[in-house]
C-alpha atoms as a PDB file:
ATOM      1  CA  MET A   1      22.231  34.536 -86.773  1.00  0.00           C
ATOM      2  CA  GLY A   2      24.621  35.725 -89.499  1.00  0.00           C
ATOM      3  CA  MET A   3      27.313  36.621 -86.968  1.00  0.00           C
ATOM      4  CA  ILE A   4      26.881  33.314 -85.114  1.00  0.00           C
ATOM      5  CA  LYS A   5      27.308  31.420 -88.390  1.00  0.00           C
ATOM      6  CA  GLU A   6      30.376  33.509 -89.154  1.00  0.00           C
ATOM      7  CA  ILE A   7      31.920  32.711 -85.759  1.00  0.00           C
ATOM      8  CA  LYS A   8      31.273  28.985 -86.248  1.00  0.00           C
ATOM      9  CA  GLU A   9      32.985  29.083 -89.653  1.00  0.00           C
ATOM     10  CA  LEU A  10      35.993  30.965 -88.290  1.00  0.00           C
ATOM     11  CA  VAL A  11      36.300  28.613 -85.325  1.00  0.00           C
ATOM     12  CA  GLY A  12      36.060  25.603 -87.633  1.00  0.00           C
ATOM     13  CA  SER A  13      38.745  27.055 -89.903  1.00  0.00           C
ATOM     14  CA  ALA A  14      41.057  27.698 -86.936  1.00  0.00           C
ATOM     15  CA  ARG A  15      40.604  24.178 -85.573  1.00  0.00           C
ATOM     16  CA  GLU A  16      41.277  22.708 -89.007  1.00  0.00           C
ATOM     17  CA  LYS A  17      44.397  24.756 -89.770  1.00  0.00           C
ATOM     18  CA  ASP A  18      46.009  25.298 -86.356  1.00  0.00           C
ATOM     19  CA  PRO A  19      47.195  22.247 -84.362  1.00  0.00           C
ATOM     20  CA  ALA A  20      47.382  24.496 -81.273  1.00  0.00           C
ATOM     21  CA  ALA A  21      43.642  25.250 -81.400  1.00  0.00           C
ATOM     22  CA  THR A  22      42.271  23.129 -78.564  1.00  0.00           C
ATOM     23  CA  ASN A  23      38.672  24.259 -78.130  1.00  0.00           C
ATOM     24  CA  ALA A  24      36.127  26.751 -79.441  1.00  0.00           C
ATOM     25  CA  PHE A  25      36.043  28.878 -76.274  1.00  0.00           C
ATOM     26  CA  GLU A  26      39.808  29.446 -76.355  1.00  0.00           C
ATOM     27  CA  ILE A  27      39.704  30.364 -80.062  1.00  0.00           C
ATOM     28  CA  ILE A  28      36.862  32.857 -79.584  1.00  0.00           C
ATOM     29  CA  MET A  29      38.486  34.503 -76.591  1.00  0.00           C
ATOM     30  CA  THR A  30      42.153  34.594 -77.607  1.00  0.00           C
ATOM     31  CA  TYR A  31      42.613  34.444 -81.397  1.00  0.00           C
ATOM     32  CA  SER A  32      43.381  37.932 -82.687  1.00  0.00           C
ATOM     33  CA  GLY A  33      42.795  36.884 -86.293  1.00  0.00           C
ATOM     34  CA  LEU A  34      39.205  35.938 -85.496  1.00  0.00           C
ATOM     35  CA  HIS A  35      38.645  39.236 -83.682  1.00  0.00           C
ATOM     36  CA  ALA A  36      40.077  41.209 -86.612  1.00  0.00           C
ATOM     37  CA  ILE A  37      37.819  39.462 -89.131  1.00  0.00           C
ATOM     38  CA  LEU A  38      34.694  39.980 -87.029  1.00  0.00           C
ATOM     39  CA  ASN A  39      35.552  43.650 -86.597  1.00  0.00           C
ATOM     40  CA  HIS A  40      36.093  43.884 -90.336  1.00  0.00           C
ATOM     41  CA  ARG A  41      32.660  42.417 -91.075  1.00  0.00           C
ATOM     42  CA  VAL A  42      31.083  45.264 -89.118  1.00  0.00           C
ATOM     43  CA  ALA A  43      33.343  47.914 -90.668  1.00  0.00           C
ATOM     44  CA  ASN A  44      32.795  46.519 -94.160  1.00  0.00           C
ATOM     45  CA  TRP A  45      28.998  46.610 -93.734  1.00  0.00           C
ATOM     46  CA  MET A  46      29.217  50.253 -92.710  1.00  0.00           C
ATOM     47  CA  HIS A  47      31.612  50.995 -95.577  1.00  0.00           C
ATOM     48  CA  ARG A  48      29.252  49.453 -98.129  1.00  0.00           C
ATOM     49  CA  HIS A  49      26.411  51.548 -96.713  1.00  0.00           C
ATOM     50  CA  ARG A  50      28.593  54.661 -97.091  1.00  0.00           C
ATOM     51  CA  MET A  51      28.712  55.540 -93.423  1.00  0.00           C
ATOM     52  CA  PRO A  52      31.350  58.196 -92.747  1.00  0.00           C
ATOM     53  CA  PHE A  53      34.212  57.881 -90.244  1.00  0.00           C
ATOM     54  CA  LEU A  54      32.948  54.836 -88.291  1.00  0.00           C
ATOM     55  CA  PRO A  55      34.313  52.138 -90.644  1.00  0.00           C
ATOM     56  CA  ARG A  56      37.856  53.527 -90.486  1.00  0.00           C
ATOM     57  CA  TRP A  57      37.570  54.132 -86.757  1.00  0.00           C
ATOM     58  CA  ILE A  58      36.584  50.490 -86.189  1.00  0.00           C
ATOM     59  CA  SER A  59      39.408  49.385 -88.485  1.00  0.00           C
ATOM     60  CA  GLN A  60      42.001  51.405 -86.588  1.00  0.00           C
ATOM     61  CA  CYS A  61      40.712  50.303 -83.183  1.00  0.00           C
ATOM     62  CA  SER A  62      40.914  46.703 -84.378  1.00  0.00           C
ATOM     63  CA  ARG A  63      44.463  47.319 -85.564  1.00  0.00           C
ATOM     64  CA  PHE A  64      45.398  48.710 -82.146  1.00  0.00           C
ATOM     65  CA  PHE A  65      44.070  45.661 -80.276  1.00  0.00           C
ATOM     66  CA  THR A  66      44.962  42.892 -82.736  1.00  0.00           C
ATOM     67  CA  GLY A  67      47.977  44.163 -84.696  1.00  0.00           C
ATOM     68  CA  ILE A  68      46.082  43.364 -87.912  1.00  0.00           C
ATOM     69  CA  GLU A  69      45.100  46.156 -90.292  1.00  0.00           C
ATOM     70  CA  ILE A  70      42.227  45.428 -92.679  1.00  0.00           C
ATOM     71  CA  HIS A  71      40.782  48.288 -94.679  1.00  0.00           C
ATOM     72  CA  PRO A  72      36.964  48.407 -94.423  1.00  0.00           C
ATOM     73  CA  GLY A  73      36.710  48.200 -98.219  1.00  0.00           C
ATOM     74  CA  ALA A  74      38.479  44.840 -98.512  1.00  0.00           C
ATOM     75  CA  LYS A  75      36.344  41.891 -99.628  1.00  0.00           C
ATOM     76  CA  ILE A  76      36.918  38.739 -97.603  1.00  0.00           C
ATOM     77  CA  GLY A  77      35.398  35.318 -98.290  1.00  0.00           C
ATOM     78  CA  LYS A  78      34.463  32.528 -95.901  1.00  0.00           C
ATOM     79  CA  GLY A  79      36.829  30.715 -93.582  1.00  0.00           C
ATOM     80  CA  LEU A  80      39.780  33.122 -93.624  1.00  0.00           C
ATOM     81  CA  PHE A  81      42.364  32.114 -91.022  1.00  0.00           C
ATOM     82  CA  ILE A  82      44.928  34.713 -89.932  1.00  0.00           C
ATOM     83  CA  ASP A  83      47.539  32.861 -87.870  1.00  0.00           C
ATOM     84  CA  HIS A  84      49.173  34.984 -85.134  1.00  0.00           C
ATOM     85  CA  GLY A  85      48.492  37.992 -87.361  1.00  0.00           C
ATOM     86  CA  MET A  86      50.785  40.696 -85.995  1.00  0.00           C
ATOM     87  CA  GLY A  87      51.757  43.028 -88.821  1.00  0.00           C
ATOM     88  CA  VAL A  88      49.260  41.705 -91.382  1.00  0.00           C
ATOM     89  CA  VAL A  89      48.035  44.448 -93.741  1.00  0.00           C
ATOM     90  CA  ILE A  90      45.124  44.010 -96.165  1.00  0.00           C
ATOM     91  CA  GLY A  91      44.507  46.939 -98.518  1.00  0.00           C
ATOM     92  CA  GLU A  92      41.260  48.597 -99.541  1.00  0.00           C
ATOM     93  CA  THR A  93      40.646  46.874-102.886  1.00  0.00           C
ATOM     94  CA  SER A  94      41.961  43.459-101.848  1.00  0.00           C
ATOM     95  CA  GLU A  95      39.701  40.496-102.576  1.00  0.00           C
ATOM     96  CA  ILE A  96      40.223  37.262-100.656  1.00  0.00           C
ATOM     97  CA  GLY A  97      38.534  33.994-101.586  1.00  0.00           C
ATOM     98  CA  ASP A  98      37.318  31.198 -99.328  1.00  0.00           C
ATOM     99  CA  ASN A  99      39.463  29.157 -96.908  1.00  0.00           C
ATOM    100  CA  VAL A 100      42.556  31.335 -97.313  1.00  0.00           C
ATOM    101  CA  THR A 101      45.336  31.289 -94.699  1.00  0.00           C
ATOM    102  CA  ILE A 102      47.482  34.344 -93.971  1.00  0.00           C
ATOM    103  CA  PHE A 103      50.454  34.298 -91.585  1.00  0.00           C
ATOM    104  CA  GLN A 104      52.026  37.101 -89.572  1.00  0.00           C
ATOM    105  CA  GLY A 105      53.684  40.014 -91.322  1.00  0.00           C
ATOM    106  CA  ALA A 106      52.053  39.357 -94.707  1.00  0.00           C
ATOM    107  CA  THR A 107      50.942  42.305 -96.825  1.00  0.00           C
ATOM    108  CA  LEU A 108      48.305  42.529 -99.532  1.00  0.00           C
ATOM    109  CA  GLY A 109      49.237  45.988-100.711  1.00  0.00           C
ATOM    110  CA  GLY A 110      49.549  48.407-103.600  1.00  0.00           C
ATOM    111  CA  THR A 111      52.578  49.527-105.582  1.00  0.00           C
ATOM    112  CA  GLY A 112      52.018  53.281-105.714  1.00  0.00           C
ATOM    113  CA  LYS A 113      49.378  55.972-105.854  1.00  0.00           C
ATOM    114  CA  GLU A 114      47.297  54.464-108.654  1.00  0.00           C
ATOM    115  CA  LYS A 115      43.510  54.636-108.294  1.00  0.00           C
ATOM    116  CA  GLY A 116      40.820  52.017-108.742  1.00  0.00           C
ATOM    117  CA  LYS A 117      41.682  48.345-108.228  1.00  0.00           C
ATOM    118  CA  ARG A 118      45.201  48.503-106.832  1.00  0.00           C
ATOM    119  CA  HIS A 119      45.436  45.533-104.466  1.00  0.00           C
ATOM    120  CA  PRO A 120      45.611  41.795-105.166  1.00  0.00           C
ATOM    121  CA  THR A 121      42.877  39.223-105.599  1.00  0.00           C
ATOM    122  CA  ILE A 122      43.615  35.976-103.722  1.00  0.00           C
ATOM    123  CA  GLY A 123      42.025  32.710-104.888  1.00  0.00           C
ATOM    124  CA  ASP A 124      40.404  30.036-102.729  1.00  0.00           C
ATOM    125  CA  ASN A 125      42.516  27.766-100.503  1.00  0.00           C
ATOM    126  CA  THR A 126      45.649  29.879-100.919  1.00  0.00           C
ATOM    127  CA  ILE A 127      48.356  30.214 -98.251  1.00  0.00           C
ATOM    128  CA  VAL A 128      50.212  33.507 -97.833  1.00  0.00           C
ATOM    129  CA  SER A 129      53.181  32.708 -95.590  1.00  0.00           C
ATOM    130  CA  ALA A 130      54.899  34.881 -92.984  1.00  0.00           C
ATOM    131  CA  GLY A 131      56.351  38.125 -94.277  1.00  0.00           C
ATOM    132  CA  ALA A 132      55.172  37.617 -97.861  1.00  0.00           C
ATOM    133  CA  LYS A 133      54.342  40.735 -99.880  1.00  0.00           C
ATOM    134  CA  VAL A 134      51.700  40.464-102.595  1.00  0.00           C
ATOM    135  CA  LEU A 135      51.575  43.832-104.319  1.00  0.00           C
ATOM    136  CA  GLY A 136      49.472  45.489-106.982  1.00  0.00           C
ATOM    137  CA  SER A 137      46.296  44.685-108.865  1.00  0.00           C
ATOM    138  CA  ILE A 138      47.264  41.092-109.603  1.00  0.00           C
ATOM    139  CA  GLU A 139      45.450  37.769-109.410  1.00  0.00           C
ATOM    140  CA  ILE A 140      46.706  34.866-107.332  1.00  0.00           C
ATOM    141  CA  GLY A 141      45.106  31.604-108.410  1.00  0.00           C
ATOM    142  CA  LYS A 142      43.446  28.938-106.302  1.00  0.00           C
ATOM    143  CA  ASN A 143      45.438  26.477-104.162  1.00  0.00           C
ATOM    144  CA  VAL A 144      48.582  28.633-104.347  1.00  0.00           C
ATOM    145  CA  ILE A 145      51.341  28.586-101.712  1.00  0.00           C
ATOM    146  CA  ILE A 146      53.317  31.829-101.378  1.00  0.00           C
ATOM    147  CA  GLY A 147      56.503  31.175 -99.436  1.00  0.00           C
ATOM    148  CA  ALA A 148      57.748  33.135 -96.428  1.00  0.00           C
ATOM    149  CA  GLY A 149      59.278  36.466 -97.377  1.00  0.00           C
ATOM    150  CA  ALA A 150      58.356  36.176-101.055  1.00  0.00           C
ATOM    151  CA  VAL A 151      57.601  39.336-103.036  1.00  0.00           C
ATOM    152  CA  VAL A 152      54.960  38.766-105.712  1.00  0.00           C
ATOM    153  CA  ILE A 153      54.148  41.536-108.197  1.00  0.00           C
ATOM    154  CA  ARG A 154      52.806  39.467-111.124  1.00  0.00           C
ATOM    155  CA  SER A 155      49.720  37.282-111.379  1.00  0.00           C
ATOM    156  CA  VAL A 156      50.202  33.538-110.878  1.00  0.00           C
ATOM    157  CA  PRO A 157      48.023  30.599-111.998  1.00  0.00           C
ATOM    158  CA  ASP A 158      46.278  27.936-109.914  1.00  0.00           C
ATOM    159  CA  ASP A 159      48.065  25.136-108.042  1.00  0.00           C
ATOM    160  CA  VAL A 160      51.577  26.600-107.871  1.00  0.00           C
ATOM    161  CA  THR A 161      54.180  27.386-105.209  1.00  0.00           C
ATOM    162  CA  VAL A 162      55.929  30.779-105.345  1.00  0.00           C
ATOM    163  CA  VAL A 163      59.109  31.633-103.423  1.00  0.00           C
ATOM    164  CA  GLY A 164      61.894  34.210-103.436  1.00  0.00           C
ATOM    165  CA  VAL A 165      62.545  37.875-104.133  1.00  0.00           C
ATOM    166  CA  PRO A 166      61.315  38.449-106.729  1.00  0.00           C
ATOM    167  CA  GLY A 167      58.815  35.604-106.555  1.00  0.00           C
ATOM    168  CA  ARG A 168      59.405  32.560-108.758  1.00  0.00           C
ATOM    169  CA  ILE A 169      57.149  29.597-109.427  1.00  0.00           C
ATOM    170  CA  VAL A 170      59.046  26.539-108.207  1.00  0.00           C
ATOM    171  CA  LYS A 171      56.250  23.969-108.170  1.00  0.00           C
ATOM    172  CA  VAL A 172      53.206  23.306-110.327  1.00  0.00           C
ATOM    173  CA  GLY A 173      50.745  20.798-108.947  1.00  0.00           C
ATOM    174  CA  GLY A 174      53.355  19.665-106.415  1.00  0.00           C
ATOM    175  CA  GLU A 175      56.009  18.945-109.083  1.00  0.00           C
ATOM    176  CA  LYS A 176      59.273  20.906-109.082  1.00  0.00           C
ATOM    177  CA  VAL A 177      59.851  23.084-112.138  1.00  0.00           C
ATOM    178  CA  LEU A 178      63.048  24.943-111.188  1.00  0.00           C
ATOM    179  CA  SER A 179      64.728  24.163-114.510  1.00  0.00           C
ATOM    180  CA  ASP A 180      61.700  24.852-116.703  1.00  0.00           C
ATOM    181  CA  GLU A 181      61.772  28.445-118.012  1.00  0.00           C
ATOM    182  CA  SER A 182      58.165  28.204-119.215  1.00  0.00           C
ATOM    183  CA  HIS A 183      56.968  28.072-115.606  1.00  0.00           C
ATOM    184  CA  ARG A 184      59.049  30.948-114.274  1.00  0.00           C
ATOM    185  CA  MET A 185      57.610  34.334-113.442  1.00  0.00           C
ATOM    186  CA  HIS A 186      59.255  36.935-115.635  1.00  0.00           C
ATOM    187  CA  LEU A 187      60.197  39.461-112.978  1.00  0.00           C
ATOM    188  CA  PRO A 188      63.275  41.690-112.855  1.00  0.00           C
ATOM    189  CA  ASP A 189      66.013  39.943-110.856  1.00  0.00           C
ATOM    190  CA  PRO A 190      69.192  42.069-110.745  1.00  0.00           C
ATOM    191  CA  VAL A 191      71.046  39.649-108.451  1.00  0.00           C
ATOM    192  CA  SER A 192      70.452  36.752-110.823  1.00  0.00           C
ATOM    193  CA  ASP A 193      71.465  38.900-113.802  1.00  0.00           C
ATOM    194  CA  ILE A 194      74.746  39.871-112.085  1.00  0.00           C
ATOM    195  CA  LEU A 195      75.539  36.228-111.248  1.00  0.00           C
ATOM    196  CA  ILE A 196      74.841  35.108-114.809  1.00  0.00           C
ATOM    197  CA  ASP A 197      77.072  37.888-116.164  1.00  0.00           C
ATOM    198  CA  ALA A 198      79.841  37.018-113.670  1.00  0.00           C
ATOM    199  CA  CYS A 199      79.709  33.335-114.661  1.00  0.00           C
ATOM    200  CA  ALA A 200      79.935  34.283-118.337  1.00  0.00           C
ATOM    201  CA  ARG A 201      82.954  36.494-117.661  1.00  0.00           C
ATOM    202  CA  ILE A 202      84.701  33.777-115.639  1.00  0.00           C
ATOM    203  CA  ASP A 203      84.081  31.266-118.426  1.00  0.00           C
ATOM    204  CA  PHE A 204      85.531  33.704-120.988  1.00  0.00           C
ATOM    205  CA  LEU A 205      88.620  34.413-118.858  1.00  0.00           C
ATOM    206  CA  GLU A 206      89.242  30.687-118.281  1.00  0.00           C
ATOM    207  CA  LYS A 207      89.134  30.085-122.014  1.00  0.00           C
ATOM    208  CA  GLN A 208      91.560  32.964-122.636  1.00  0.00           C
ATOM    209  CA  LEU A 209      93.885  31.668-119.924  1.00  0.00           C
ATOM    210  CA  GLY A 210      93.761  28.220-121.465  1.00  0.00           C
ATOM    211  CA  LYS A 211      94.723  29.615-124.863  1.00  0.00           C
ATOM    212  CA  GLN A 212      97.678  31.507-123.372  1.00  0.00           C
ATOM    213  CA  LYS A 213      98.926  28.369-121.596  1.00  0.00           C
ATOM    214  CA  SER A 214      98.620  26.415-124.817  1.00  0.00           C
ATOM    215  CA  LYS A 215     100.618  29.050-126.747  1.00  0.00           C
ATOM    216  CA  LYS A 216     103.310  29.091-124.019  1.00  0.00           C
ATOM    217  CA  LYS A 217     103.705  25.303-124.221  1.00  0.00           C
ATOM    218  CA  ASP A 218     103.994  25.460-128.001  1.00  0.00           C
ATOM    219  CA  LYS A 219     106.793  28.075-127.730  1.00  0.00           C
ATOM    220  CA  GLU A 220     108.680  25.993-125.163  1.00  0.00           C
ATOM    221  CA  LYS A 221     108.619  23.039-127.565  1.00  0.00           C
END
């Protein structure tokens, strides 16, 4: 009965979040994200009961057939929807809340060889868009939208939108905050630093050029 309930929840989540989902039979038979999650439930049960080899074997077989790699140790809540899914990677100590959506190419990964909790925790109702990388033992709040291709390596609060490399908070509660420094994620951004430095240099040179022109006019007088 537990597996039947799980399938119903996954089908309901797919129908709610994917306009292309036409009927339950098609979702059950063709949606790789659903297959990967069901396989993970089995592998995770075995992992929690300390069974050797089989959990990783199931995980790798699932990866081969679905293109989605979920470590057996990952904790996944209800109603996860993995759309398309090819290239999705979910690390061992990842924790995913309820009703989360993950698109193709997204990674919930680590940042090195640290031990213990080394993968992110994703809050309820969060969207991790295509190609996004959420790395390290960080916490992503509830109702967060992580934009396509974003790289997030710092925790973010609830109800925000994060975009860019490195990730920046650009919306809080649906309101734009691009000009508000208090809402920005303090991540190293060498490209931005170079542009700021270049603008400062250009401003300095323009002022110097203006002074030289002024002196030249005074001499001509």
